[in-house]
C-alpha atoms as a PDB file:
ATOM      1  CA  MET A   1       0.000   0.000   0.000  1.00  0.00           C
ATOM      2  CA  GLY A   2       1.520   3.243  -1.188  1.00  0.00           C
ATOM      3  CA  PRO A   3       0.761   6.935  -0.724  1.00  0.00           C
ATOM      4  CA  ALA A   4      -2.003   6.822  -3.346  1.00  0.00           C
ATOM      5  CA  HIS A   5      -3.917   4.309  -1.224  1.00  0.00           C
ATOM      6  CA  GLY A   6      -3.646   6.622   1.820  1.00  0.00           C
ATOM      7  CA  HIS A   7      -5.074   9.546  -0.144  1.00  0.00           C
ATOM      8  CA  LEU A   8      -7.917   7.348  -1.402  1.00  0.00           C
ATOM      9  CA  VAL A   9      -8.744   6.293   2.160  1.00  0.00           C
ATOM     10  CA  LEU A  10      -8.801   9.948   3.295  1.00  0.00           C
ATOM     11  CA  LEU A  11     -11.019  10.912   0.356  1.00  0.00           C
ATOM     12  CA  LEU A  12     -13.452   8.079   1.095  1.00  0.00           C
ATOM     13  CA  ALA A  13     -13.515   9.034   4.784  1.00  0.00           C
ATOM     14  CA  ALA A  14     -14.310  12.663   3.898  1.00  0.00           C
ATOM     15  CA  VAL A  15     -17.103  11.568   1.557  1.00  0.00           C
ATOM     16  CA  ALA A  16     -18.528   9.296   4.265  1.00  0.00           C
ATOM     17  CA  LEU A  17     -18.462  12.132   6.830  1.00  0.00           C
ATOM     18  CA  LEU A  18     -20.117  14.535   4.381  1.00  0.00           C
ATOM     19  CA  SER A  19     -22.874  12.107   3.499  1.00  0.00           C
ATOM     20  CA  ALA A  20     -23.452  11.289   7.159  1.00  0.00           C
ATOM     21  CA  GLY A  21     -23.905  14.985   7.906  1.00  0.00           C
ATOM     22  CA  PHE A  22     -20.841  15.313  10.144  1.00  0.00           C
ATOM     23  CA  LEU A  23     -19.228  17.949   7.945  1.00  0.00           C
ATOM     24  CA  PRO A  24     -21.086  21.058   6.753  1.00  0.00           C
ATOM     25  CA  HIS A  25     -22.032  21.196   3.076  1.00  0.00           C
ATOM     26  CA  ALA A  26     -22.279  24.981   3.074  1.00  0.00           C
ATOM     27  CA  VAL A  27     -21.181  27.880   5.227  1.00  0.00           C
ATOM     28  CA  ALA A  28     -23.286  30.947   5.964  1.00  0.00           C
ATOM     29  CA  LYS A  29     -21.930  34.365   4.941  1.00  0.00           C
ATOM     30  CA  LYS A  30     -21.528  35.481   8.536  1.00  0.00           C
ATOM     31  CA  GLY A  31     -19.220  32.558   9.323  1.00  0.00           C
ATOM     32  CA  GLY A  32     -21.634  30.047  10.828  1.00  0.00           C
ATOM     33  CA  SER A  33     -22.150  26.581   9.509  1.00  0.00           C
ATOM     34  CA  VAL A  34     -25.311  25.851   7.515  1.00  0.00           C
ATOM     35  CA  PRO A  35     -26.806  22.410   8.116  1.00  0.00           C
ATOM     36  CA  PRO A  36     -27.063  20.314   4.943  1.00  0.00           C
ATOM     37  CA  ALA A  37     -30.879  20.139   5.156  1.00  0.00           C
ATOM     38  CA  VAL A  38     -31.114  23.952   5.251  1.00  0.00           C
ATOM     39  CA  ALA A  39     -28.624  24.291   2.388  1.00  0.00           C
ATOM     40  CA  ASP A  40     -30.618  21.780   0.325  1.00  0.00           C
ATOM     41  CA  ILE A  41     -33.943  23.569   0.848  1.00  0.00           C
ATOM     42  CA  CYS A  42     -32.338  26.990   0.294  1.00  0.00           C
ATOM     43  CA  SER A  43     -30.851  25.741  -2.989  1.00  0.00           C
ATOM     44  CA  ARG A  44     -34.404  25.615  -4.359  1.00  0.00           C
ATOM     45  CA  THR A  45     -35.039  29.331  -3.720  1.00  0.00           C
ATOM     46  CA  PRO A  46     -34.351  32.192  -6.153  1.00  0.00           C
ATOM     47  CA  PHE A  47     -31.630  33.599  -3.855  1.00  0.00           C
ATOM     48  CA  PRO A  48     -30.003  30.579  -2.156  1.00  0.00           C
ATOM     49  CA  ASP A  49     -27.060  32.528  -0.696  1.00  0.00           C
ATOM     50  CA  THR A  50     -29.420  34.996   0.981  1.00  0.00           C
ATOM     51  CA  CYS A  51     -31.493  32.093   2.288  1.00  0.00           C
ATOM     52  CA  LYS A  52     -28.475  30.223   3.680  1.00  0.00           C
ATOM     53  CA  SER A  53     -26.932  33.314   5.266  1.00  0.00           C
ATOM     54  CA  THR A  54     -30.155  34.303   7.032  1.00  0.00           C
ATOM     55  CA  ALA A  55     -32.001  31.047   7.698  1.00  0.00           C
ATOM     56  CA  GLY A  56     -28.901  28.986   8.428  1.00  0.00           C
ATOM     57  CA  ARG A  57     -28.094  30.984  11.556  1.00  0.00           C
ATOM     58  CA  HIS A  58     -31.356  29.917  13.205  1.00  0.00           C
ATOM     59  CA  ALA A  59     -31.354  26.207  12.348  1.00  0.00           C
ATOM     60  CA  SER A  60     -30.346  25.086  15.834  1.00  0.00           C
ATOM     61  CA  LYS A  61     -33.706  26.363  17.154  1.00  0.00           C
ATOM     62  CA  TYR A  62     -35.621  23.772  15.097  1.00  0.00           C
ATOM     63  CA  PRO A  63     -35.704  20.062  15.993  1.00  0.00           C
ATOM     64  CA  VAL A  64     -36.782  19.134  12.446  1.00  0.00           C
ATOM     65  CA  ILE A  65     -35.480  20.886   9.361  1.00  0.00           C
ATOM     66  CA  ASP A  66     -38.058  20.893   6.577  1.00  0.00           C
ATOM     67  CA  ALA A  67     -39.529  23.491   4.211  1.00  0.00           C
ATOM     68  CA  VAL A  68     -41.808  24.866   6.964  1.00  0.00           C
ATOM     69  CA  ALA A  69     -38.886  25.252   9.377  1.00  0.00           C
ATOM     70  CA  VAL A  70     -36.728  27.016   6.761  1.00  0.00           C
ATOM     71  CA  LEU A  71     -39.703  29.206   5.822  1.00  0.00           C
ATOM     72  CA  ASN A  72     -40.130  30.167   9.489  1.00  0.00           C
ATOM     73  CA  MET A  73     -36.399  30.919   9.742  1.00  0.00           C
ATOM     74  CA  GLN A  74     -36.514  33.065   6.605  1.00  0.00           C
ATOM     75  CA  VAL A  75     -39.694  34.929   7.610  1.00  0.00           C
ATOM     76  CA  ASP A  76     -38.202  35.603  11.037  1.00  0.00           C
ATOM     77  CA  ALA A  77     -35.044  36.988   9.397  1.00  0.00           C
ATOM     78  CA  PHE A  78     -37.216  39.026   6.984  1.00  0.00           C
ATOM     79  CA  SER A  79     -39.089  40.519   9.937  1.00  0.00           C
ATOM     80  CA  LYS A  80     -35.863  41.376  11.766  1.00  0.00           C
ATOM     81  CA  ARG A  81     -34.341  42.944   8.648  1.00  0.00           C
ATOM     82  CA  THR A  82     -37.460  45.073   8.179  1.00  0.00           C
ATOM     83  CA  ALA A  83     -37.120  46.293  11.777  1.00  0.00           C
ATOM     84  CA  GLN A  84     -33.469  47.127  11.038  1.00  0.00           C
ATOM     85  CA  ALA A  85     -34.616  49.059   7.947  1.00  0.00           C
ATOM     86  CA  ARG A  86     -36.881  51.187  10.137  1.00  0.00           C
ATOM     87  CA  LYS A  87     -33.957  51.938  12.472  1.00  0.00           C
ATOM     88  CA  ARG A  88     -31.837  52.863   9.453  1.00  0.00           C
ATOM     89  CA  VAL A  89     -34.545  55.299   8.295  1.00  0.00           C
ATOM     90  CA  THR A  90     -34.343  57.064  11.659  1.00  0.00           C
ATOM     91  CA  THR A  91     -30.550  57.294  11.482  1.00  0.00           C
ATOM     92  CA  VAL A  92     -30.443  58.525   7.871  1.00  0.00           C
ATOM     93  CA  SER A  93     -33.239  61.042   8.464  1.00  0.00           C
ATOM     94  CA  ARG A  94     -31.197  62.921  11.066  1.00  0.00           C
ATOM     95  CA  GLY A  95     -28.839  64.451   8.520  1.00  0.00           C
ATOM     96  CA  ALA A  96     -31.091  64.494   5.463  1.00  0.00           C
ATOM     97  CA  GLN A  97     -32.474  67.377   3.431  1.00  0.00           C
ATOM     98  CA  PRO A  98     -36.226  68.129   3.933  1.00  0.00           C
ATOM     99  CA  GLN A  99     -37.266  66.432   0.667  1.00  0.00           C
ATOM    100  CA  GLN A 100     -35.308  63.304   1.545  1.00  0.00           C
ATOM    101  CA  THR A 101     -36.652  63.337   5.120  1.00  0.00           C
ATOM    102  CA  GLN A 102     -40.216  63.392   3.786  1.00  0.00           C
ATOM    103  CA  ALA A 103     -39.474  60.454   1.470  1.00  0.00           C
ATOM    104  CA  LEU A 104     -37.809  58.560   4.326  1.00  0.00           C
ATOM    105  CA  SER A 105     -40.865  59.138   6.498  1.00  0.00           C
ATOM    106  CA  PHE A 106     -42.947  57.500   3.767  1.00  0.00           C
ATOM    107  CA  CYS A 107     -40.487  54.568   3.762  1.00  0.00           C
ATOM    108  CA  ASP A 108     -40.849  54.194   7.506  1.00  0.00           C
ATOM    109  CA  THR A 109     -44.628  53.945   7.094  1.00  0.00           C
ATOM    110  CA  MET A 110     -44.175  51.342   4.346  1.00  0.00           C
ATOM    111  CA  TYR A 111     -41.761  49.310   6.494  1.00  0.00           C
ATOM    112  CA  MET A 112     -44.232  49.466   9.384  1.00  0.00           C
ATOM    113  CA  ASN A 113     -46.936  48.130   7.036  1.00  0.00           C
ATOM    114  CA  THR A 114     -44.491  45.424   5.918  1.00  0.00           C
ATOM    115  CA  GLN A 115     -43.989  44.371   9.533  1.00  0.00           C
ATOM    116  CA  ASP A 116     -47.761  44.039  10.017  1.00  0.00           C
ATOM    117  CA  THR A 117     -48.083  42.038   6.815  1.00  0.00           C
ATOM    118  CA  ILE A 118     -45.206  39.737   7.788  1.00  0.00           C
ATOM    119  CA  GLY A 119     -47.013  39.091  11.078  1.00  0.00           C
ATOM    120  CA  ALA A 120     -50.125  38.054   9.153  1.00  0.00           C
ATOM    121  CA  ALA A 121     -47.960  35.798   6.951  1.00  0.00           C
ATOM    122  CA  GLN A 122     -46.438  34.187  10.053  1.00  0.00           C
ATOM    123  CA  ARG A 123     -49.906  33.419  11.413  1.00  0.00           C
ATOM    124  CA  ALA A 124     -50.919  31.891   8.062  1.00  0.00           C
ATOM    125  CA  ILE A 125     -47.773  29.742   8.032  1.00  0.00           C
ATOM    126  CA  THR A 126     -48.637  28.451  11.512  1.00  0.00           C
ATOM    127  CA  PHE A 127     -51.858  27.071  10.011  1.00  0.00           C
ATOM    128  CA  LYS A 128     -50.054  25.942   6.822  1.00  0.00           C
ATOM    129  CA  ASP A 129     -52.301  28.294   4.853  1.00  0.00           C
ATOM    130  CA  LYS A 130     -50.113  28.596   1.763  1.00  0.00           C
ATOM    131  CA  ALA A 131     -52.468  30.898  -0.174  1.00  0.00           C
ATOM    132  CA  THR A 132     -52.804  33.484   2.603  1.00  0.00           C
ATOM    133  CA  ALA A 133     -49.083  33.337   3.384  1.00  0.00           C
ATOM    134  CA  ASN A 134     -48.243  34.056  -0.260  1.00  0.00           C
ATOM    135  CA  ILE A 135     -50.750  36.914  -0.496  1.00  0.00           C
ATOM    136  CA  MET A 136     -49.372  38.499   2.686  1.00  0.00           C
ATOM    137  CA  LEU A 137     -45.790  38.134   1.441  1.00  0.00           C
ATOM    138  CA  GLN A 138     -46.733  39.696  -1.904  1.00  0.00           C
ATOM    139  CA  LEU A 139     -48.326  42.601  -0.037  1.00  0.00           C
ATOM    140  CA  ALA A 140     -45.154  42.988   2.011  1.00  0.00           C
ATOM    141  CA  VAL A 141     -43.140  43.265  -1.216  1.00  0.00           C
ATOM    142  CA  GLN A 142     -45.514  45.941  -2.531  1.00  0.00           C
ATOM    143  CA  ASP A 143     -45.165  47.887   0.721  1.00  0.00           C
ATOM    144  CA  PHE A 144     -41.392  48.119   0.838  1.00  0.00           C
ATOM    145  CA  GLU A 145     -41.059  48.506  -2.940  1.00  0.00           C
ATOM    146  CA  SER A 146     -43.251  51.609  -2.582  1.00  0.00           C
ATOM    147  CA  CYS A 147     -40.437  53.191  -0.568  1.00  0.00           C
ATOM    148  CA  ASP A 148     -38.591  54.023  -3.786  1.00  0.00           C
ATOM    149  CA  ARG A 149     -41.494  55.967  -5.342  1.00  0.00           C
ATOM    150  CA  PRO A 150     -41.074  59.357  -3.584  1.00  0.00           C
ATOM    151  CA  PHE A 151     -37.327  59.310  -4.264  1.00  0.00           C
ATOM    152  CA  LYS A 152     -37.859  58.706  -7.980  1.00  0.00           C
ATOM    153  CA  GLN A 153     -40.599  61.340  -8.157  1.00  0.00           C
ATOM    154  CA  SER A 154     -38.301  63.907  -6.540  1.00  0.00           C
ATOM    155  CA  GLY A 155     -35.211  62.814  -8.463  1.00  0.00           C
ATOM    156  CA  ILE A 156     -33.216  62.195  -5.275  1.00  0.00           C
ATOM    157  CA  MET A 157     -31.089  59.262  -4.161  1.00  0.00           C
ATOM    158  CA  ASN A 158     -32.754  56.564  -2.060  1.00  0.00           C
ATOM    159  CA  PRO A 159     -30.420  55.640   0.829  1.00  0.00           C
ATOM    160  CA  MET A 160     -32.638  52.600   1.493  1.00  0.00           C
ATOM    161  CA  GLU A 161     -32.197  51.079  -1.969  1.00  0.00           C
ATOM    162  CA  LYS A 162     -29.630  48.427  -0.938  1.00  0.00           C
ATOM    163  CA  ILE A 163     -31.796  47.330   1.993  1.00  0.00           C
ATOM    164  CA  ASP A 164     -34.858  47.190  -0.264  1.00  0.00           C
ATOM    165  CA  VAL A 165     -32.999  44.876  -2.665  1.00  0.00           C
ATOM    166  CA  GLU A 166     -32.114  42.562   0.229  1.00  0.00           C
ATOM    167  CA  LEU A 167     -35.706  42.645   1.540  1.00  0.00           C
ATOM    168  CA  ASN A 168     -36.948  41.809  -1.944  1.00  0.00           C
ATOM    169  CA  GLN A 169     -34.631  38.783  -2.132  1.00  0.00           C
ATOM    170  CA  MET A 170     -35.778  37.598   1.280  1.00  0.00           C
ATOM    171  CA  ALA A 171     -39.438  38.049   0.316  1.00  0.00           C
ATOM    172  CA  GLN A 172     -38.957  36.151  -2.969  1.00  0.00           C
ATOM    173  CA  ASN A 173     -37.329  33.316  -1.014  1.00  0.00           C
ATOM    174  CA  CYS A 174     -40.207  33.335   1.487  1.00  0.00           C
ATOM    175  CA  MET A 175     -42.795  33.084  -1.298  1.00  0.00           C
ATOM    176  CA  THR A 176     -40.931  30.175  -2.890  1.00  0.00           C
ATOM    177  CA  LEU A 177     -40.618  28.409   0.470  1.00  0.00           C
ATOM    178  CA  ALA A 178     -44.319  29.018   1.195  1.00  0.00           C
ATOM    179  CA  SER A 179     -45.187  27.212  -2.028  1.00  0.00           C
ATOM    180  CA  MET A 180     -43.307  24.158  -0.663  1.00  0.00           C
ATOM    181  CA  ILE A 181     -45.507  23.750   2.436  1.00  0.00           C
END
């Protein structure tokens, strides 16, 4: 038995550990490990990296990882990110021009509506009501996408644009996951 045999044994051992779930198949953006079941379900969403980096962090809270669990993880992350968006509006508004402050105030209202709609989606998910969950998530998208309107109408930069893109990705993932329940 030469060195080639030793490398083959190591390769087979690594494959066995991976397939047994002892080694992570994916790693979340923020440095945490993503369980293989979460990575697999997230791979079926339009934005798998966003799904893995947000849902993967909460996997340890769920005894069973299935589409409903990943949906709950993603909706929870979506809700938290929307709350962060509202805090960002407050921070950005402090040094903004009056026109931008008015537009940011509108965004804050839209994010507040999004939070209410996400809550309704969470209740629908609890009852595995796929249709209502999807409608609520679509309404949430409409709410935060409306944030951009006053900026475009006034021809001013939207400091919330990057956050809105991330929220949109999370919402699209949530809608795809809701269709799996």
